Amino acid sequence: MNGSGFAFKASFKALLCALSLQLIIAKSATADVAITFGTYAADKPTAVVRQFKPFLKFLEQALQESLGEPVKIKMKVTKEYQDSIDQLVDGEVDFSRFGPASYVTAKARNPKINIIAIESVKGKKTFKGVIAVRTDSDIQTLADLKNNSFAFGDELSTIGRYLAQSELLEAGISADELSMFEYLGRHDLVGSAVGNGSFTAGALKESTFKKLVEKGVPIRALATFDNVTKPWIASSKMSPRVFEAMKTILLDPTNLELMKSVSKNGMLEGNDADYDPIRNAMDQSTSF
């Protein structure tokens, strides 16, 4: 073989080595599991980030150990419920934590999304919503709200809209029988608006109600009602491998202490039928 032949073989071998190295680098880069967590700001966005950041760091590490490869979790917090729902339905985020009504809405749009687990409140799948009035209000029953004003939360909120409207309808009050109503978006804004007298009453989740009372906002509970706890949901694009690993981590009772920032009492097995009461309330609210 002449010199040019040897040179060709050497060049070809070098090219193969370079291509192999590029494939190895590409494979190791794509081996990393990149996951995006999405949710919306039911309260202040800064409070939402502060609440989830430590837990997502723990989940990232736990998934890395379970899957045996690097895992990176990013977080997307939207201001609007609808934007967060769109992101999960379209697969722009890999998993989300929603309120029940948002889950029902997303599931109707994309039946292939799946519940990973649902939050526990002292071992139960329900917690309370509150219809509040000012501490000095003479309103004593829901029926007394006729011809008065009402503050709802987001238009897609389970407590802030659907369940509250269902409760009002049960008390014989429809939208036409209120002097006015508005959707204020966040639970804390509803409680503050009732406290400062802008509205006679409003609906908000019990935990936010208690925080506002502790801060001195002059509101009291006029009525309470049950809501199903929040589901953690996987998009239709999440791989079964990651889904099962995440489910195992969320349901592991030994992780309870690390999960308290997002779910004080840990997680429970959940299924779509758990949210049938919410579907019923959403259907009923169409009559509001």
Protein backbone atom coordinates (compact mmCIF):
# COMPACT_ATOMS: atom_id res chain seq x y z
CA MET A 1 0.00 0.00 0.00
CA ASN A 2 1.42 3.40 -0.97
CA GLY A 3 1.67 6.46 1.26
CA SER A 4 -1.59 7.94 0.08
CA GLY A 5 -3.41 4.69 1.03
CA PHE A 6 -2.00 4.77 4.53
CA ALA A 7 -2.95 8.43 4.82
CA PHE A 8 -6.52 7.66 3.70
CA LYS A 9 -6.88 4.83 6.25
CA ALA A 10 -5.52 7.04 9.01
CA SER A 11 -7.90 9.87 8.08
CA PHE A 12 -10.87 7.50 7.86
CA LYS A 13 -10.03 5.99 11.25
CA ALA A 14 -9.74 9.46 12.77
CA LEU A 15 -13.11 10.40 11.28
CA LEU A 16 -14.73 7.29 12.78
CA CYS A 17 -13.25 8.09 16.19
CA ALA A 18 -14.53 11.66 15.99
CA LEU A 19 -18.03 10.50 15.01
CA SER A 20 -18.05 7.92 17.81
CA LEU A 21 -17.02 10.58 20.32
CA GLN A 22 -19.80 12.89 19.10
CA LEU A 23 -22.35 10.07 19.46
CA ILE A 24 -21.17 9.36 23.00
CA ILE A 25 -21.40 13.06 23.90
CA ALA A 26 -24.85 13.34 22.30
CA LYS A 27 -26.05 10.21 24.07
CA SER A 28 -24.86 11.42 27.48
CA ALA A 29 -26.49 14.79 26.87
CA THR A 30 -29.85 13.28 25.95
CA ALA A 31 -29.60 10.75 28.80
CA ASP A 32 -30.26 13.56 31.28
CA VAL A 33 -33.92 13.67 32.26
CA ALA A 34 -35.21 17.22 31.85
CA ILE A 35 -38.60 17.74 33.51
CA THR A 36 -40.73 20.87 33.80
CA PHE A 37 -43.17 21.38 36.67
CA GLY A 38 -46.07 23.75 36.06
CA THR A 39 -48.55 25.42 38.36
CA TYR A 40 -50.45 28.68 38.74
CA ALA A 41 -50.38 31.41 41.35
CA ALA A 42 -53.50 30.89 43.48
CA ASP A 43 -51.72 33.16 45.96
CA LYS A 44 -48.74 35.49 45.47
CA PRO A 45 -46.33 34.11 42.80
CA THR A 46 -43.33 34.66 45.10
CA ALA A 47 -45.04 32.58 47.80
CA VAL A 48 -45.71 29.80 45.27
CA VAL A 49 -42.04 29.67 44.23
CA ARG A 50 -40.91 29.71 47.86
CA GLN A 51 -43.31 26.87 48.66
CA PHE A 52 -42.30 24.53 45.83
CA LYS A 53 -38.59 25.17 45.33
CA PRO A 54 -37.24 23.02 48.24
CA PHE A 55 -39.57 20.13 47.40
CA LEU A 56 -38.68 20.15 43.71
CA LYS A 57 -35.00 20.05 44.65
CA PHE A 58 -35.67 16.98 46.79
CA LEU A 59 -37.75 15.36 44.03
CA GLU A 60 -35.00 16.05 41.51
CA GLN A 61 -32.45 14.22 43.68
CA ALA A 62 -34.82 11.35 44.50
CA LEU A 63 -35.64 10.81 40.82
CA GLN A 64 -31.96 10.88 39.95
CA GLU A 65 -31.28 8.11 42.45
CA SER A 66 -34.29 6.09 41.28
CA LEU A 67 -33.61 6.42 37.55
CA GLY A 68 -29.84 6.17 37.79
CA GLU A 69 -29.19 9.22 35.63
CA PRO A 70 -29.05 13.01 35.98
CA VAL A 71 -32.40 14.74 36.44
CA LYS A 72 -33.15 18.44 36.15
CA ILE A 73 -36.53 19.92 37.17
CA LYS A 74 -37.51 23.42 36.06
CA MET A 75 -40.57 25.29 37.33
CA LYS A 76 -43.10 27.37 35.40
CA VAL A 77 -45.55 29.48 37.40
CA THR A 78 -48.31 31.21 35.46
CA LYS A 79 -50.52 34.04 36.65
CA GLU A 80 -53.63 32.59 35.05
CA TYR A 81 -55.19 29.19 35.68
CA GLN A 82 -55.99 28.83 31.97
CA ASP A 83 -52.36 29.25 30.90
CA SER A 84 -51.25 26.51 33.28
CA ILE A 85 -53.99 24.17 32.07
CA ASP A 86 -53.01 24.83 28.43
CA GLN A 87 -49.38 24.00 29.19
CA LEU A 88 -50.22 20.62 30.72
CA VAL A 89 -52.79 19.69 28.08
CA ASP A 90 -50.35 20.55 25.28
CA GLY A 91 -47.39 18.83 26.94
CA GLU A 92 -45.40 22.03 27.43
CA VAL A 93 -44.88 20.97 31.06
CA ASP A 94 -44.36 17.40 32.23
CA PHE A 95 -46.30 17.48 35.47
CA SER A 96 -48.45 19.90 37.42
CA ARG A 97 -50.22 20.44 40.69
CA PHE A 98 -53.73 21.77 40.09
CA GLY A 99 -56.91 22.49 41.91
CA PRO A 100 -59.67 19.92 41.28
CA ALA A 101 -61.64 22.03 38.76
CA SER A 102 -58.53 22.70 36.73
CA TYR A 103 -57.80 18.98 36.68
CA VAL A 104 -61.35 18.19 35.52
CA THR A 105 -61.04 20.80 32.77
CA ALA A 106 -57.63 19.50 31.65
CA LYS A 107 -58.78 15.86 31.72
CA ALA A 108 -61.77 16.68 29.51
CA ARG A 109 -59.43 18.29 26.97
CA ASN A 110 -56.76 15.58 27.10
CA PRO A 111 -57.97 12.23 28.51
CA LYS A 112 -54.41 10.87 28.38
CA ILE A 113 -53.17 12.96 31.33
CA ASN A 114 -52.90 10.88 34.51
CA ILE A 115 -53.03 11.43 38.27
CA ILE A 116 -49.70 10.62 39.93
CA ALA A 117 -51.00 11.08 43.48
CA ILE A 118 -53.34 13.38 45.40
CA GLU A 119 -52.58 15.37 48.52
CA SER A 120 -53.58 14.14 51.95
CA VAL A 121 -55.15 16.25 54.70
CA LYS A 122 -54.86 14.21 57.89
CA GLY A 123 -55.28 11.02 55.91
CA LYS A 124 -58.30 12.29 53.98
CA LYS A 125 -58.86 13.38 50.40
CA THR A 126 -60.96 16.42 51.34
CA PHE A 127 -60.40 19.84 52.94
CA LYS A 128 -62.52 22.92 53.54
CA GLY A 129 -63.46 25.95 51.54
CA VAL A 130 -64.85 29.01 53.30
CA ILE A 131 -67.43 31.64 52.48
CA ALA A 132 -66.38 34.60 54.60
CA VAL A 133 -67.93 37.89 55.67
CA ARG A 134 -66.57 40.77 57.74
CA THR A 135 -66.33 40.10 61.45
CA ASP A 136 -68.85 42.87 62.17
CA SER A 137 -71.32 41.80 59.45
CA ASP A 138 -74.92 41.11 60.47
CA ILE A 139 -75.14 38.36 57.79
CA GLN A 140 -75.85 35.04 59.53
CA THR A 141 -76.79 32.59 56.74
CA LEU A 142 -76.07 32.18 53.04
CA ALA A 143 -79.69 33.11 52.32
CA ASP A 144 -78.97 36.51 53.92
CA LEU A 145 -76.57 37.26 51.05
CA LYS A 146 -79.48 38.01 48.73
CA ASN A 147 -79.08 41.51 47.24
CA ASN A 148 -75.53 41.73 48.57
CA SER A 149 -72.14 41.62 46.80
CA PHE A 150 -69.87 38.60 46.44
CA ALA A 151 -66.18 38.14 45.59
CA PHE A 152 -65.17 34.96 43.74
CA GLY A 153 -61.60 33.85 43.01
CA ASP A 154 -60.45 32.79 39.57
CA GLU A 155 -63.10 31.86 37.01
CA LEU A 156 -61.61 28.35 36.93
CA SER A 157 -61.15 28.01 40.71
CA THR A 158 -62.76 25.03 42.45
CA ILE A 159 -63.41 26.78 45.76
CA GLY A 160 -63.29 30.33 44.46
CA ARG A 161 -65.98 29.71 41.86
CA TYR A 162 -67.60 26.33 41.24
CA LEU A 163 -68.15 25.04 44.78
CA ALA A 164 -69.04 28.50 46.07
CA GLN A 165 -71.63 28.99 43.35
CA SER A 166 -73.01 25.53 44.04
CA GLU A 167 -73.40 26.47 47.73
CA LEU A 168 -75.15 29.73 46.83
CA LEU A 169 -77.54 27.94 44.49
CA GLU A 170 -78.37 25.44 47.24
CA ALA A 171 -79.25 28.43 49.44
CA GLY A 172 -81.56 29.77 46.71
CA ILE A 173 -79.26 32.51 45.44
CA SER A 174 -78.29 32.89 41.79
CA ALA A 175 -76.22 35.60 40.11
CA ASP A 176 -79.33 37.73 39.46
CA GLU A 177 -80.04 37.81 43.19
CA LEU A 178 -76.69 39.35 44.09
CA SER A 179 -76.25 43.11 43.89
CA MET A 180 -72.90 42.50 42.17
CA PHE A 181 -70.09 39.97 41.93
CA GLU A 182 -66.56 39.88 40.57
CA TYR A 183 -63.76 37.37 39.98
CA LEU A 184 -60.68 38.65 41.78
CA GLY A 185 -58.27 35.86 40.83
CA ARG A 186 -56.45 34.94 44.04
CA HIS A 187 -57.77 33.64 47.37
CA ASP A 188 -55.84 36.22 49.38
CA LEU A 189 -57.31 39.06 47.29
CA VAL A 190 -60.82 37.75 47.98
CA GLY A 191 -60.26 37.64 51.74
CA SER A 192 -58.71 41.11 51.78
CA ALA A 193 -61.55 42.56 49.68
CA VAL A 194 -64.13 41.19 52.10
CA GLY A 195 -62.11 42.43 55.05
CA ASN A 196 -61.87 45.99 53.72
CA GLY A 197 -65.60 46.11 52.94
CA SER A 198 -65.38 46.08 49.15
CA PHE A 199 -67.62 42.98 49.10
CA THR A 200 -70.14 41.59 51.56
CA ALA A 201 -68.83 38.04 51.23
CA GLY A 202 -66.32 35.94 49.30
CA ALA A 203 -65.06 32.40 48.81
CA LEU A 204 -61.52 31.27 49.60
CA LYS A 205 -59.65 28.21 50.78
CA GLU A 206 -59.50 27.58 54.52
CA SER A 207 -55.71 27.79 54.80
CA THR A 208 -55.66 31.28 53.25
CA PHE A 209 -58.63 32.31 55.41
CA LYS A 210 -56.74 31.30 58.56
CA LYS A 211 -53.56 33.13 57.48
CA LEU A 212 -55.51 36.33 56.86
CA VAL A 213 -57.26 36.09 60.24
CA GLU A 214 -53.86 35.63 61.92
CA LYS A 215 -52.68 38.80 60.16
CA GLY A 216 -55.62 40.71 61.59
CA VAL A 217 -57.90 40.86 58.55
CA PRO A 218 -61.42 41.25 60.07
CA ILE A 219 -63.23 38.30 58.49
CA ARG A 220 -65.17 35.32 59.86
CA ALA A 221 -66.51 32.12 58.36
CA LEU A 222 -70.16 32.27 57.33
CA ALA A 223 -70.15 28.74 55.86
CA THR A 224 -67.71 25.96 55.06
CA PHE A 225 -67.87 23.19 52.47
CA ASP A 226 -65.80 20.19 51.37
CA ASN A 227 -63.37 20.21 48.49
CA VAL A 228 -61.28 17.35 47.12
CA THR A 229 -57.56 17.78 47.68
CA LYS A 230 -55.20 18.78 44.89
CA PRO A 231 -53.98 16.19 42.38
CA TRP A 232 -50.45 15.97 41.00
CA ILE A 233 -50.84 15.21 37.33
CA ALA A 234 -48.56 13.86 34.61
CA SER A 235 -48.84 15.09 31.05
CA SER A 236 -49.55 12.57 28.30
CA LYS A 237 -45.92 12.94 27.21
CA MET A 238 -44.33 11.78 30.47
CA SER A 239 -42.62 8.41 30.03
CA PRO A 240 -44.05 5.47 32.04
CA ARG A 241 -40.63 5.02 33.62
CA VAL A 242 -40.52 8.55 35.03
CA PHE A 243 -44.23 8.37 35.98
CA GLU A 244 -43.77 5.22 38.08
CA ALA A 245 -40.60 6.55 39.73
CA MET A 246 -42.31 9.83 40.65
CA LYS A 247 -45.41 8.05 41.95
CA THR A 248 -43.30 5.81 44.20
CA ILE A 249 -41.48 8.83 45.63
CA LEU A 250 -44.66 10.85 46.25
CA LEU A 251 -46.43 7.95 47.97
CA ASP A 252 -43.45 6.90 50.11
CA PRO A 253 -44.35 7.75 53.76
CA THR A 254 -40.68 8.02 54.67
CA ASN A 255 -40.52 11.18 52.53
CA LEU A 256 -43.25 12.94 54.55
CA GLU A 257 -40.94 15.40 56.30
CA LEU A 258 -39.43 16.49 52.98
CA MET A 259 -42.86 16.98 51.41
CA LYS A 260 -44.42 19.14 54.13
CA SER A 261 -43.93 22.40 52.25
CA VAL A 262 -46.28 21.22 49.50
CA SER A 263 -48.47 18.67 51.30
CA LYS A 264 -48.37 18.72 55.09
CA ASN A 265 -49.70 15.17 55.45
CA GLY A 266 -48.11 13.60 52.40
CA MET A 267 -49.87 11.99 49.44
CA LEU A 268 -52.48 9.33 48.77
CA GLU A 269 -53.36 7.09 45.85
CA GLY A 270 -55.89 8.90 43.68
CA ASN A 271 -58.03 8.25 40.64
CA ASP A 272 -60.24 10.16 38.27
CA ALA A 273 -63.47 9.14 40.08
CA ASP A 274 -62.33 11.05 43.18
CA TYR A 275 -63.20 14.22 41.27
CA ASP A 276 -66.76 13.32 40.26
CA PRO A 277 -68.20 15.61 43.01
CA ILE A 278 -66.29 18.48 41.42
CA ARG A 279 -67.66 17.63 37.98
CA ASN A 280 -71.17 17.74 39.48
CA ALA A 281 -70.54 21.14 41.07
CA MET A 282 -69.14 22.49 37.81
CA ASP A 283 -72.24 21.30 35.97
CA GLN A 284 -74.49 22.85 38.59
CA SER A 285 -72.69 26.19 38.46
CA THR A 286 -73.79 26.62 34.85
CA SER A 287 -77.19 27.52 36.35
CA PHE A 288 -75.68 30.28 38.46
